[in-house]
Amino acid sequence: MSEEKIQIYHNAKCSKSREGMCMLESFGDEVEIIEYTKHPLTEEQLSTLIVKLGIKPRQLVRTKEEIYKTKFADRKMTPKQWIKAMIKYPELMERPIVVKGNRAVIGRPAILITELIQS
């Protein structure tokens, strides 16, 4: 069995993201932490992540964020426009996102992280 690298797209200000970090630490695997709010993703990186998640870009958007409510709530946008919005405003992205190999999950609820790591 090959050891697949585990990554977490982490926002330390988010309690769910911190919960996801704790869960990953409990497995004892080496984890690459990507603080995407400090180091925004490129369009290519975010597009690849969305493919691994198996979702549409719009499904990665946090609709409870103030920036969403003020700038995006009533807008019709293409997938590419949503990607560009999340790059400009990384706090729009759901979190945490955990990647193992070519698969990824949004760690809400955190049990999804466990299922990914153990599969």
Protein backbone atom coordinates (compact mmCIF):
# COMPACT_ATOMS: atom_id res chain seq x y z
CA MET A 1 0.00 0.00 0.00
CA SER A 2 1.46 3.37 -0.98
CA GLU A 3 1.58 6.17 1.53
CA GLU A 4 -0.41 9.05 0.12
CA LYS A 5 0.50 12.53 1.22
CA ILE A 6 -2.18 14.24 3.31
CA GLN A 7 -2.84 17.95 2.99
CA ILE A 8 -5.20 20.23 4.85
CA TYR A 9 -6.39 23.57 3.55
CA HIS A 10 -6.60 25.25 6.90
CA ASN A 11 -7.95 28.50 8.32
CA ALA A 12 -6.76 28.85 11.93
CA LYS A 13 -9.56 31.34 12.68
CA CYS A 14 -12.20 28.68 11.98
CA SER A 15 -13.22 26.29 14.77
CA LYS A 16 -14.18 23.55 12.29
CA SER A 17 -10.79 23.86 10.60
CA ARG A 18 -9.02 23.61 13.97
CA GLU A 19 -11.16 20.57 14.79
CA GLY A 20 -10.07 19.00 11.50
CA MET A 21 -6.41 19.67 12.34
CA CYS A 22 -6.81 17.96 15.72
CA MET A 23 -8.41 14.97 14.07
CA LEU A 24 -5.55 14.65 11.57
CA GLU A 25 -2.98 14.97 14.36
CA SER A 26 -4.68 12.09 16.19
CA PHE A 27 -3.92 9.80 13.23
CA GLY A 28 -0.22 10.56 13.58
CA ASP A 29 0.38 10.93 9.85
CA GLU A 30 2.55 13.70 8.49
CA VAL A 31 0.29 16.46 7.22
CA GLU A 32 1.08 19.37 4.92
CA ILE A 33 -0.74 22.44 6.21
CA ILE A 34 -1.82 24.93 3.56
CA GLU A 35 -2.93 28.23 5.05
CA TYR A 36 -4.87 29.38 2.02
CA THR A 37 -5.98 32.68 3.57
CA LYS A 38 -2.32 33.72 3.99
CA HIS A 39 -1.17 32.19 0.69
CA PRO A 40 -4.10 32.28 -1.76
CA LEU A 41 -4.31 29.49 -4.29
CA THR A 42 -3.79 29.98 -7.99
CA GLU A 43 -6.64 29.40 -10.40
CA GLU A 44 -5.04 26.10 -11.44
CA GLN A 45 -4.57 24.92 -7.82
CA LEU A 46 -8.14 25.76 -6.88
CA SER A 47 -9.51 24.15 -10.04
CA THR A 48 -7.56 20.96 -9.30
CA LEU A 49 -8.84 20.95 -5.73
CA ILE A 50 -12.44 21.31 -6.92
CA VAL A 51 -11.97 18.33 -9.28
CA LYS A 52 -10.62 16.23 -6.37
CA LEU A 53 -13.66 17.23 -4.31
CA GLY A 54 -15.97 16.22 -7.16
CA ILE A 55 -18.10 19.36 -6.83
CA LYS A 56 -18.92 22.51 -8.76
CA PRO A 57 -17.04 25.69 -7.73
CA ARG A 58 -20.25 27.25 -6.39
CA GLN A 59 -20.57 24.35 -3.91
CA LEU A 60 -17.28 25.36 -2.28
CA VAL A 61 -18.56 28.85 -1.42
CA ARG A 62 -19.43 29.69 2.19
CA THR A 63 -22.72 31.56 1.95
CA LYS A 64 -22.63 32.61 5.62
CA GLU A 65 -19.54 34.76 5.15
CA GLU A 66 -20.13 38.51 5.28
CA ILE A 67 -18.18 38.99 2.03
CA TYR A 68 -20.60 36.61 0.31
CA LYS A 69 -23.64 38.44 1.64
CA THR A 70 -22.34 41.86 0.61
CA LYS A 71 -20.72 41.06 -2.75
CA PHE A 72 -22.07 37.81 -4.16
CA ALA A 73 -25.46 36.79 -2.69
CA ASP A 74 -27.60 38.00 -5.58
CA ARG A 75 -25.16 37.42 -8.43
CA LYS A 76 -25.32 34.78 -11.13
CA MET A 77 -21.74 33.70 -11.81
CA THR A 78 -20.01 31.14 -14.01
CA PRO A 79 -17.83 28.43 -12.44
CA LYS A 80 -14.72 30.33 -13.55
CA GLN A 81 -16.04 33.55 -11.93
CA TRP A 82 -16.62 31.68 -8.65
CA ILE A 83 -13.05 30.37 -8.76
CA LYS A 84 -11.72 33.89 -9.33
CA ALA A 85 -13.89 35.18 -6.44
CA MET A 86 -12.49 32.52 -4.06
CA ILE A 87 -8.95 33.40 -5.09
CA LYS A 88 -9.57 37.09 -4.41
CA TYR A 89 -11.51 36.38 -1.19
CA PRO A 90 -10.17 33.05 0.16
CA GLU A 91 -12.43 33.29 3.22
CA LEU A 92 -15.26 32.36 0.84
CA MET A 93 -13.95 28.78 0.68
CA GLU A 94 -15.50 26.06 2.81
CA ARG A 95 -13.04 24.62 5.29
CA PRO A 96 -11.25 22.55 6.22
CA ILE A 97 -10.47 20.69 3.02
CA VAL A 98 -8.42 17.53 3.42
CA VAL A 99 -6.70 15.90 0.46
CA LYS A 100 -5.32 12.38 0.27
CA GLY A 101 -3.88 11.46 -3.11
CA ASN A 102 -6.40 12.33 -5.79
CA ARG A 103 -9.37 12.52 -3.41
CA ALA A 104 -10.54 15.30 -1.13
CA VAL A 105 -13.32 16.13 1.32
CA ILE A 106 -14.67 19.20 3.01
CA GLY A 107 -14.31 18.28 6.68
CA ARG A 108 -17.86 19.22 7.69
CA PRO A 109 -18.73 17.11 9.57
CA ALA A 110 -15.29 16.04 10.76
CA ILE A 111 -16.16 12.34 10.38
CA LEU A 112 -15.65 12.83 6.63
CA ILE A 113 -11.94 13.38 7.34
CA THR A 114 -11.76 10.07 9.20
CA GLU A 115 -13.46 8.27 6.33
CA LEU A 116 -11.00 9.75 3.82
CA ILE A 117 -7.90 8.94 5.89
CA GLN A 118 -8.99 5.39 6.63
CA SER A 119 -9.98 4.55 3.04
